[in-house]
Amino acid sequence: MRYRVLICLALLSSCEEPEVMNSGYVVGKQFVPAHTKHRLIGKTHYTSHIPDKWFIYVADSTKIERFQVTEKRFLKLKEGQYLKKVYNK
């Protein structure tokens, strides 16, 4: 029983909440197109497909942070636009 409680506590403590920024202005946008990544592990060659990613840069009075967003939200947002709350995916 004691081990189950310890395992549950370890699992709960390893969970992290998404990063939240209360408000800020969009100061930049970045699109990373889909590509493939080639790796050689031992003597075996592996190819991985990396999907498209969309990022926005949001600045408040103290810092600039990068957030990954969906394509729809990326296209909707404009640089200089004020955001009330931003969640990292």
PDB file of N, CA and C in Angstrom:
ATOM      1  N   MET A   1       0.826  -1.193   0.000  1.00  0.00           N
ATOM      2  CA  MET A   1       0.000   0.000   0.000  1.00  0.00           C
ATOM      3  C   MET A   1       0.871   1.259   0.000  1.00  0.00           C
ATOM      4  N   ARG A   2       1.921   1.224   0.798  1.00  0.00           N
ATOM      5  CA  ARG A   2       2.807   2.373   0.898  1.00  0.00           C
ATOM      6  C   ARG A   2       3.469   2.674  -0.449  1.00  0.00           C
ATOM      7  N   TYR A   3       3.830   1.611  -1.173  1.00  0.00           N
ATOM      8  CA  TYR A   3       4.473   1.796  -2.475  1.00  0.00           C
ATOM      9  C   TYR A   3       3.498   2.390  -3.492  1.00  0.00           C
ATOM     10  N   ARG A   4       2.245   2.005  -3.416  1.00  0.00           N
ATOM     11  CA  ARG A   4       1.236   2.562  -4.328  1.00  0.00           C
ATOM     12  C   ARG A   4       1.068   4.059  -4.103  1.00  0.00           C
ATOM     13  N   VAL A   5       1.062   4.457  -2.843  1.00  0.00           N
ATOM     14  CA  VAL A   5       0.939   5.877  -2.523  1.00  0.00           C
ATOM     15  C   VAL A   5       2.160   6.633  -3.039  1.00  0.00           C
ATOM     16  N   LEU A   6       3.346   6.078  -2.859  1.00  0.00           N
ATOM     17  CA  LEU A   6       4.566   6.723  -3.337  1.00  0.00           C
ATOM     18  C   LEU A   6       4.574   6.835  -4.860  1.00  0.00           C
ATOM     19  N   ILE A   7       4.105   5.789  -5.535  1.00  0.00           N
ATOM     20  CA  ILE A   7       4.036   5.821  -6.996  1.00  0.00           C
ATOM     21  C   ILE A   7       3.049   6.883  -7.454  1.00  0.00           C
ATOM     22  N   CYS A   8       1.889   6.959  -6.804  1.00  0.00           N
ATOM     23  CA  CYS A   8       0.898   7.981  -7.165  1.00  0.00           C
ATOM     24  C   CYS A   8       1.453   9.385  -6.950  1.00  0.00           C
ATOM     25  N   LEU A   9       2.138   9.605  -5.842  1.00  0.00           N
ATOM     26  CA  LEU A   9       2.731  10.915  -5.577  1.00  0.00           C
ATOM     27  C   LEU A   9       3.810  11.253  -6.599  1.00  0.00           C
ATOM     28  N   ALA A  10       4.602  10.256  -6.975  1.00  0.00           N
ATOM     29  CA  ALA A  10       5.645  10.494  -7.978  1.00  0.00           C
ATOM     30  C   ALA A  10       5.032  10.855  -9.323  1.00  0.00           C
ATOM     31  N   LEU A  11       3.967  10.165  -9.702  1.00  0.00           N
ATOM     32  CA  LEU A  11       3.306  10.463 -10.974  1.00  0.00           C
ATOM     33  C   LEU A  11       2.681  11.852 -10.967  1.00  0.00           C
ATOM     34  N   LEU A  12       2.034  12.207  -9.872  1.00  0.00           N
ATOM     35  CA  LEU A  12       1.406  13.520  -9.788  1.00  0.00           C
ATOM     36  C   LEU A  12       2.429  14.650  -9.772  1.00  0.00           C
ATOM     37  N   SER A  13       3.546  14.424  -9.116  1.00  0.00           N
ATOM     38  CA  SER A  13       4.560  15.478  -9.060  1.00  0.00           C
ATOM     39  C   SER A  13       5.288  15.637 -10.388  1.00  0.00           C
ATOM     40  N   SER A  14       5.276  14.603 -11.232  1.00  0.00           N
ATOM     41  CA  SER A  14       5.938  14.709 -12.531  1.00  0.00           C
ATOM     42  C   SER A  14       5.072  15.419 -13.562  1.00  0.00           C
ATOM     43  N   CYS A  15       3.774  15.567 -13.282  1.00  0.00           N
ATOM     44  CA  CYS A  15       2.887  16.280 -14.204  1.00  0.00           C
ATOM     45  C   CYS A  15       3.172  17.775 -14.106  1.00  0.00           C
ATOM     46  N   GLU A  16       3.146  18.431 -15.250  1.00  0.00           N
ATOM     47  CA  GLU A  16       3.337  19.876 -15.216  1.00  0.00           C
ATOM     48  C   GLU A  16       2.182  20.557 -15.918  1.00  0.00           C
ATOM     49  N   GLU A  17       1.840  21.706 -15.431  1.00  0.00           N
ATOM     50  CA  GLU A  17       0.754  22.473 -16.031  1.00  0.00           C
ATOM     51  C   GLU A  17       1.292  23.256 -17.214  1.00  0.00           C
ATOM     52  N   PRO A  18       0.437  23.542 -18.191  1.00  0.00           N
ATOM     53  CA  PRO A  18       0.916  24.340 -19.317  1.00  0.00           C
ATOM     54  C   PRO A  18       1.317  25.734 -18.860  1.00  0.00           C
ATOM     55  N   GLU A  19       2.317  26.245 -19.524  1.00  0.00           N
ATOM     56  CA  GLU A  19       2.816  27.571 -19.183  1.00  0.00           C
ATOM     57  C   GLU A  19       1.785  28.626 -19.568  1.00  0.00           C
ATOM     58  N   VAL A  20       1.565  29.580 -18.687  1.00  0.00           N
ATOM     59  CA  VAL A  20       0.551  30.606 -18.935  1.00  0.00           C
ATOM     60  C   VAL A  20       1.190  31.987 -18.822  1.00  0.00           C
ATOM     61  N   MET A  21       0.874  32.839 -19.772  1.00  0.00           N
ATOM     62  CA  MET A  21       1.285  34.241 -19.696  1.00  0.00           C
ATOM     63  C   MET A  21      -0.001  35.040 -19.622  1.00  0.00           C
ATOM     64  N   ASN A  22      -0.132  35.910 -18.645  1.00  0.00           N
ATOM     65  CA  ASN A  22      -1.389  36.624 -18.435  1.00  0.00           C
ATOM     66  C   ASN A  22      -1.779  37.522 -19.599  1.00  0.00           C
ATOM     67  N   SER A  23      -0.873  38.308 -20.109  1.00  0.00           N
ATOM     68  CA  SER A  23      -1.209  39.190 -21.223  1.00  0.00           C
ATOM     69  C   SER A  23       0.067  39.650 -21.899  1.00  0.00           C
ATOM     70  N   GLY A  24      -0.076  40.152 -23.107  1.00  0.00           N
ATOM     71  CA  GLY A  24       1.084  40.654 -23.831  1.00  0.00           C
ATOM     72  C   GLY A  24       0.743  40.944 -25.278  1.00  0.00           C
ATOM     73  N   TYR A  25       1.738  41.401 -26.004  1.00  0.00           N
ATOM     74  CA  TYR A  25       1.584  41.740 -27.413  1.00  0.00           C
ATOM     75  C   TYR A  25       2.327  40.724 -28.271  1.00  0.00           C
ATOM     76  N   VAL A  26       1.750  40.383 -29.416  1.00  0.00           N
ATOM     77  CA  VAL A  26       2.415  39.500 -30.370  1.00  0.00           C
ATOM     78  C   VAL A  26       3.519  40.321 -31.026  1.00  0.00           C
ATOM     79  N   VAL A  27       4.768  39.909 -30.826  1.00  0.00           N
ATOM     80  CA  VAL A  27       5.896  40.654 -31.386  1.00  0.00           C
ATOM     81  C   VAL A  27       6.572  39.909 -32.529  1.00  0.00           C
ATOM     82  N   GLY A  28       6.177  38.657 -32.752  1.00  0.00           N
ATOM     83  CA  GLY A  28       6.764  37.900 -33.849  1.00  0.00           C
ATOM     84  C   GLY A  28       5.999  36.622 -34.109  1.00  0.00           C
ATOM     85  N   LYS A  29       6.171  36.114 -35.333  1.00  0.00           N
ATOM     86  CA  LYS A  29       5.537  34.858 -35.727  1.00  0.00           C
ATOM     87  C   LYS A  29       6.578  34.028 -36.473  1.00  0.00           C
ATOM     88  N   GLN A  30       6.514  32.701 -36.307  1.00  0.00           N
ATOM     89  CA  GLN A  30       7.467  31.822 -36.976  1.00  0.00           C
ATOM     90  C   GLN A  30       6.751  30.568 -37.450  1.00  0.00           C
ATOM     91  N   PHE A  31       7.004  30.189 -38.701  1.00  0.00           N
ATOM     92  CA  PHE A  31       6.462  28.959 -39.265  1.00  0.00           C
ATOM     93  C   PHE A  31       7.628  28.028 -39.563  1.00  0.00           C
ATOM     94  N   VAL A  32       7.558  26.790 -39.049  1.00  0.00           N
ATOM     95  CA  VAL A  32       8.576  25.778 -39.325  1.00  0.00           C
ATOM     96  C   VAL A  32       7.918  24.729 -40.211  1.00  0.00           C
ATOM     97  N   PRO A  33       8.315  24.638 -41.494  1.00  0.00           N
ATOM     98  CA  PRO A  33       7.656  23.696 -42.399  1.00  0.00           C
ATOM     99  C   PRO A  33       7.965  22.245 -42.046  1.00  0.00           C
ATOM    100  N   ALA A  34       7.097  21.356 -42.513  1.00  0.00           N
ATOM    101  CA  ALA A  34       7.290  19.923 -42.290  1.00  0.00           C
ATOM    102  C   ALA A  34       8.590  19.486 -42.953  1.00  0.00           C
ATOM    103  N   HIS A  35       9.275  18.564 -42.312  1.00  0.00           N
ATOM    104  CA  HIS A  35      10.526  18.055 -42.861  1.00  0.00           C
ATOM    105  C   HIS A  35      10.776  16.652 -42.328  1.00  0.00           C
ATOM    106  N   THR A  36      11.796  16.017 -42.853  1.00  0.00           N
ATOM    107  CA  THR A  36      12.167  14.693 -42.361  1.00  0.00           C
ATOM    108  C   THR A  36      13.488  14.798 -41.614  1.00  0.00           C
ATOM    109  N   LYS A  37      13.634  13.941 -40.628  1.00  0.00           N
ATOM    110  CA  LYS A  37      14.850  13.908 -39.828  1.00  0.00           C
ATOM    111  C   LYS A  37      15.462  12.522 -40.002  1.00  0.00           C
ATOM    112  N   HIS A  38      16.717  12.479 -40.381  1.00  0.00           N
ATOM    113  CA  HIS A  38      17.410  11.213 -40.600  1.00  0.00           C
ATOM    114  C   HIS A  38      18.350  10.955 -39.430  1.00  0.00           C
ATOM    115  N   ARG A  39      18.278   9.730 -38.906  1.00  0.00           N
ATOM    116  CA  ARG A  39      19.143   9.357 -37.786  1.00  0.00           C
ATOM    117  C   ARG A  39      19.757   7.996 -38.064  1.00  0.00           C
ATOM    118  N   LEU A  40      20.957   7.800 -37.590  1.00  0.00           N
ATOM    119  CA  LEU A  40      21.629   6.517 -37.691  1.00  0.00           C
ATOM    120  C   LEU A  40      21.837   6.006 -36.275  1.00  0.00           C
ATOM    121  N   ILE A  41      21.117   4.948 -35.925  1.00  0.00           N
ATOM    122  CA  ILE A  41      21.230   4.360 -34.593  1.00  0.00           C
ATOM    123  C   ILE A  41      21.840   2.978 -34.772  1.00  0.00           C
ATOM    124  N   GLY A  42      23.061   2.839 -34.293  1.00  0.00           N
ATOM    125  CA  GLY A  42      23.786   1.599 -34.550  1.00  0.00           C
ATOM    126  C   GLY A  42      24.082   1.512 -36.039  1.00  0.00           C
ATOM    127  N   LYS A  43      23.623   0.435 -36.675  1.00  0.00           N
ATOM    128  CA  LYS A  43      23.802   0.277 -38.119  1.00  0.00           C
ATOM    129  C   LYS A  43      22.494   0.465 -38.870  1.00  0.00           C
ATOM    130  N   THR A  44      21.461   0.902 -38.158  1.00  0.00           N
ATOM    131  CA  THR A  44      20.141   1.051 -38.766  1.00  0.00           C
ATOM    132  C   THR A  44      19.840   2.524 -39.005  1.00  0.00           C
ATOM    133  N   HIS A  45      19.348   2.806 -40.200  1.00  0.00           N
ATOM    134  CA  HIS A  45      19.000   4.172 -40.588  1.00  0.00           C
ATOM    135  C   HIS A  45      17.509   4.385 -40.349  1.00  0.00           C
ATOM    136  N   TYR A  46      17.152   5.430 -39.597  1.00  0.00           N
ATOM    137  CA  TYR A  46      15.761   5.758 -39.304  1.00  0.00           C
ATOM    138  C   TYR A  46      15.413   7.119 -39.899  1.00  0.00           C
ATOM    139  N   THR A  47      14.204   7.221 -40.431  1.00  0.00           N
ATOM    140  CA  THR A  47      13.698   8.482 -40.955  1.00  0.00           C
ATOM    141  C   THR A  47      12.418   8.822 -40.216  1.00  0.00           C
ATOM    142  N   SER A  48      12.349  10.026 -39.675  1.00  0.00           N
ATOM    143  CA  SER A  48      11.160  10.486 -38.955  1.00  0.00           C
ATOM    144  C   SER A  48      10.579  11.688 -39.681  1.00  0.00           C
ATOM    145  N   HIS A  49       9.260  11.746 -39.739  1.00  0.00           N
ATOM    146  CA  HIS A  49       8.585  12.897 -40.332  1.00  0.00           C
ATOM    147  C   HIS A  49       8.232  13.875 -39.219  1.00  0.00           C
ATOM    148  N   ILE A  50       8.663  15.107 -39.363  1.00  0.00           N
ATOM    149  CA  ILE A  50       8.364  16.163 -38.401  1.00  0.00           C
ATOM    150  C   ILE A  50       7.286  17.051 -39.026  1.00  0.00           C
ATOM    151  N   PRO A  51       6.105  17.178 -38.404  1.00  0.00           N
ATOM    152  CA  PRO A  51       5.013  17.959 -39.002  1.00  0.00           C
ATOM    153  C   PRO A  51       5.256  19.473 -38.914  1.00  0.00           C
ATOM    154  N   ASP A  52       4.405  20.224 -39.618  1.00  0.00           N
ATOM    155  CA  ASP A  52       4.455  21.689 -39.561  1.00  0.00           C
ATOM    156  C   ASP A  52       4.267  22.164 -38.123  1.00  0.00           C
ATOM    157  N   LYS A  53       4.936  23.268 -37.780  1.00  0.00           N
ATOM    158  CA  LYS A  53       4.760  23.877 -36.456  1.00  0.00           C
ATOM    159  C   LYS A  53       4.635  25.381 -36.632  1.00  0.00           C
ATOM    160  N   TRP A  54       3.784  25.984 -35.816  1.00  0.00           N
ATOM    161  CA  TRP A  54       3.543  27.426 -35.852  1.00  0.00           C
ATOM    162  C   TRP A  54       3.814  27.987 -34.464  1.00  0.00           C
ATOM    163  N   PHE A  55       4.627  29.044 -34.409  1.00  0.00           N
ATOM    164  CA  PHE A  55       4.991  29.669 -33.142  1.00  0.00           C
ATOM    165  C   PHE A  55       4.674  31.160 -33.192  1.00  0.00           C
ATOM    166  N   ILE A  56       4.290  31.695 -32.039  1.00  0.00           N
ATOM    167  CA  ILE A  56       4.159  33.143 -31.894  1.00  0.00           C
ATOM    168  C   ILE A  56       5.053  33.567 -30.730  1.00  0.00           C
ATOM    169  N   TYR A  57       5.547  34.780 -30.804  1.00  0.00           N
ATOM    170  CA  TYR A  57       6.352  35.360 -29.737  1.00  0.00           C
ATOM    171  C   TYR A  57       5.526  36.454 -29.082  1.00  0.00           C
ATOM    172  N   VAL A  58       5.346  36.318 -27.762  1.00  0.00           N
ATOM    173  CA  VAL A  58       4.515  37.255 -27.007  1.00  0.00           C
ATOM    174  C   VAL A  58       5.390  37.957 -25.972  1.00  0.00           C
ATOM    175  N   ALA A  59       5.282  39.281 -25.924  1.00  0.00           N
ATOM    176  CA  ALA A  59       6.077  40.079 -24.985  1.00  0.00           C
ATOM    177  C   ALA A  59       5.167  40.780 -23.988  1.00  0.00           C
ATOM    178  N   ASP A  60       5.585  40.742 -22.729  1.00  0.00           N
ATOM    179  CA  ASP A  60       4.935  41.575 -21.717  1.00  0.00           C
ATOM    180  C   ASP A  60       5.997  42.560 -21.222  1.00  0.00           C
ATOM    181  N   SER A  61       5.804  43.148 -20.086  1.00  0.00           N
ATOM    182  CA  SER A  61       6.739  44.179 -19.618  1.00  0.00           C
ATOM    183  C   SER A  61       8.085  43.617 -19.161  1.00  0.00           C
ATOM    184  N   THR A  62       8.171  42.303 -18.948  1.00  0.00           N
ATOM    185  CA  THR A  62       9.409  41.743 -18.408  1.00  0.00           C
ATOM    186  C   THR A  62      10.130  40.766 -19.324  1.00  0.00           C
ATOM    187  N   LYS A  63       9.428  40.117 -20.253  1.00  0.00           N
ATOM    188  CA  LYS A  63      10.086  39.074 -21.045  1.00  0.00           C
ATOM    189  C   LYS A  63       9.353  38.829 -22.359  1.00  0.00           C
ATOM    190  N   ILE A  64      10.016  38.072 -23.229  1.00  0.00           N
ATOM    191  CA  ILE A  64       9.423  37.606 -24.481  1.00  0.00           C
ATOM    192  C   ILE A  64       9.419  36.089 -24.426  1.00  0.00           C
ATOM    193  N   GLU A  65       8.265  35.477 -24.702  1.00  0.00           N
ATOM    194  CA  GLU A  65       8.160  34.025 -24.668  1.00  0.00           C
ATOM    195  C   GLU A  65       7.619  33.497 -25.976  1.00  0.00           C
ATOM    196  N   ARG A  66       8.015  32.258 -26.308  1.00  0.00           N
ATOM    197  CA  ARG A  66       7.565  31.601 -27.528  1.00  0.00           C
ATOM    198  C   ARG A  66       6.494  30.577 -27.172  1.00  0.00           C
ATOM    199  N   PHE A  67       5.392  30.589 -27.936  1.00  0.00           N
ATOM    200  CA  PHE A  67       4.293  29.663 -27.720  1.00  0.00           C
ATOM    201  C   PHE A  67       3.958  28.963 -29.026  1.00  0.00           C
ATOM    202  N   GLN A  68       3.725  27.653 -28.952  1.00  0.00           N
ATOM    203  CA  GLN A  68       3.287  26.915 -30.131  1.00  0.00           C
ATOM    204  C   GLN A  68       1.769  27.022 -30.222  1.00  0.00           C
ATOM    205  N   VAL A  69       1.262  27.341 -31.420  1.00  0.00           N
ATOM    206  CA  VAL A  69      -0.171  27.516 -31.630  1.00  0.00           C
ATOM    207  C   VAL A  69      -0.608  26.705 -32.843  1.00  0.00           C
ATOM    208  N   THR A  70      -1.921  26.627 -33.039  1.00  0.00           N
ATOM    209  CA  THR A  70      -2.456  25.933 -34.208  1.00  0.00           C
ATOM    210  C   THR A  70      -2.336  26.830 -35.438  1.00  0.00           C
ATOM    211  N   GLU A  71      -2.469  26.214 -36.612  1.00  0.00           N
ATOM    212  CA  GLU A  71      -2.386  26.975 -37.861  1.00  0.00           C
ATOM    213  C   GLU A  71      -3.484  28.032 -37.936  1.00  0.00           C
ATOM    214  N   LYS A  72      -4.676  27.661 -37.502  1.00  0.00           N
ATOM    215  CA  LYS A  72      -5.810  28.581 -37.552  1.00  0.00           C
ATOM    216  C   LYS A  72      -5.542  29.829 -36.703  1.00  0.00           C
ATOM    217  N   ARG A  73      -5.035  29.614 -35.493  1.00  0.00           N
ATOM    218  CA  ARG A  73      -4.751  30.749 -34.607  1.00  0.00           C
ATOM    219  C   ARG A  73      -3.579  31.577 -35.131  1.00  0.00           C
ATOM    220  N   PHE A  74      -2.585  30.894 -35.710  1.00  0.00           N
ATOM    221  CA  PHE A  74      -1.426  31.577 -36.277  1.00  0.00           C
ATOM    222  C   PHE A  74      -1.850  32.544 -37.378  1.00  0.00           C
ATOM    223  N   LEU A  75      -2.740  32.080 -38.257  1.00  0.00           N
ATOM    224  CA  LEU A  75      -3.200  32.916 -39.363  1.00  0.00           C
ATOM    225  C   LEU A  75      -4.096  34.056 -38.881  1.00  0.00           C
ATOM    226  N   LYS A  76      -4.816  33.823 -37.788  1.00  0.00           N
ATOM    227  CA  LYS A  76      -5.743  34.820 -37.253  1.00  0.00           C
ATOM    228  C   LYS A  76      -5.013  35.971 -36.550  1.00  0.00           C
ATOM    229  N   LEU A  77      -3.908  35.660 -35.876  1.00  0.00           N
ATOM    230  CA  LEU A  77      -3.177  36.670 -35.104  1.00  0.00           C
ATOM    231  C   LEU A  77      -2.316  37.553 -36.000  1.00  0.00           C
ATOM    232  N   LYS A  78      -2.223  38.803 -35.635  1.00  0.00           N
ATOM    233  CA  LYS A  78      -1.388  39.782 -36.338  1.00  0.00           C
ATOM    234  C   LYS A  78      -0.322  40.302 -35.375  1.00  0.00           C
ATOM    235  N   GLU A  79       0.834  40.665 -35.925  1.00  0.00           N
ATOM    236  CA  GLU A  79       1.883  41.247 -35.087  1.00  0.00           C
ATOM    237  C   GLU A  79       1.397  42.574 -34.519  1.00  0.00           C
ATOM    238  N   GLY A  80       1.661  42.785 -33.240  1.00  0.00           N
ATOM    239  CA  GLY A  80       1.211  43.994 -32.560  1.00  0.00           C
ATOM    240  C   GLY A  80      -0.130  43.824 -31.868  1.00  0.00           C
ATOM    241  N   GLN A  81      -0.793  42.689 -32.100  1.00  0.00           N
ATOM    242  CA  GLN A  81      -2.101  42.440 -31.488  1.00  0.00           C
ATOM    243  C   GLN A  81      -1.928  42.136 -30.004  1.00  0.00           C
ATOM    244  N   TYR A  82      -2.839  42.646 -29.182  1.00  0.00           N
ATOM    245  CA  TYR A  82      -2.807  42.424 -27.737  1.00  0.00           C
ATOM    246  C   TYR A  82      -3.562  41.141 -27.411  1.00  0.00           C
ATOM    247  N   LEU A  83      -2.948  40.277 -26.584  1.00  0.00           N
ATOM    248  CA  LEU A  83      -3.586  39.033 -26.150  1.00  0.00           C
ATOM    249  C   LEU A  83      -3.819  39.095 -24.653  1.00  0.00           C
ATOM    250  N   LYS A  84      -5.008  38.666 -24.228  1.00  0.00           N
ATOM    251  CA  LYS A  84      -5.331  38.693 -22.792  1.00  0.00           C
ATOM    252  C   LYS A  84      -4.709  37.524 -22.045  1.00  0.00           C
ATOM    253  N   LYS A  85      -4.734  36.319 -22.630  1.00  0.00           N
ATOM    254  CA  LYS A  85      -4.168  35.154 -21.959  1.00  0.00           C
ATOM    255  C   LYS A  85      -3.622  34.209 -23.009  1.00  0.00           C
ATOM    256  N   VAL A  86      -2.418  33.678 -22.770  1.00  0.00           N
ATOM    257  CA  VAL A  86      -1.773  32.790 -23.727  1.00  0.00           C
ATOM    258  C   VAL A  86      -1.391  31.505 -23.010  1.00  0.00           C
ATOM    259  N   TYR A  87      -1.725  30.366 -23.608  1.00  0.00           N
ATOM    260  CA  TYR A  87      -1.360  29.063 -23.061  1.00  0.00           C
ATOM    261  C   TYR A  87      -0.379  28.392 -23.996  1.00  0.00           C
ATOM    262  N   ASN A  88       0.628  27.768 -23.432  1.00  0.00           N
ATOM    263  CA  ASN A  88       1.535  26.962 -24.233  1.00  0.00           C
ATOM    264  C   ASN A  88       0.920  25.594 -24.409  1.00  0.00           C
ATOM    265  N   LYS A  89       0.985  25.098 -25.576  1.00  0.00           N
ATOM    266  CA  LYS A  89       0.354  23.826 -25.924  1.00  0.00           C
ATOM    267  C   LYS A  89       0.919  22.663 -25.156  1.00  0.00           C
TER     268      LYS A  89
END
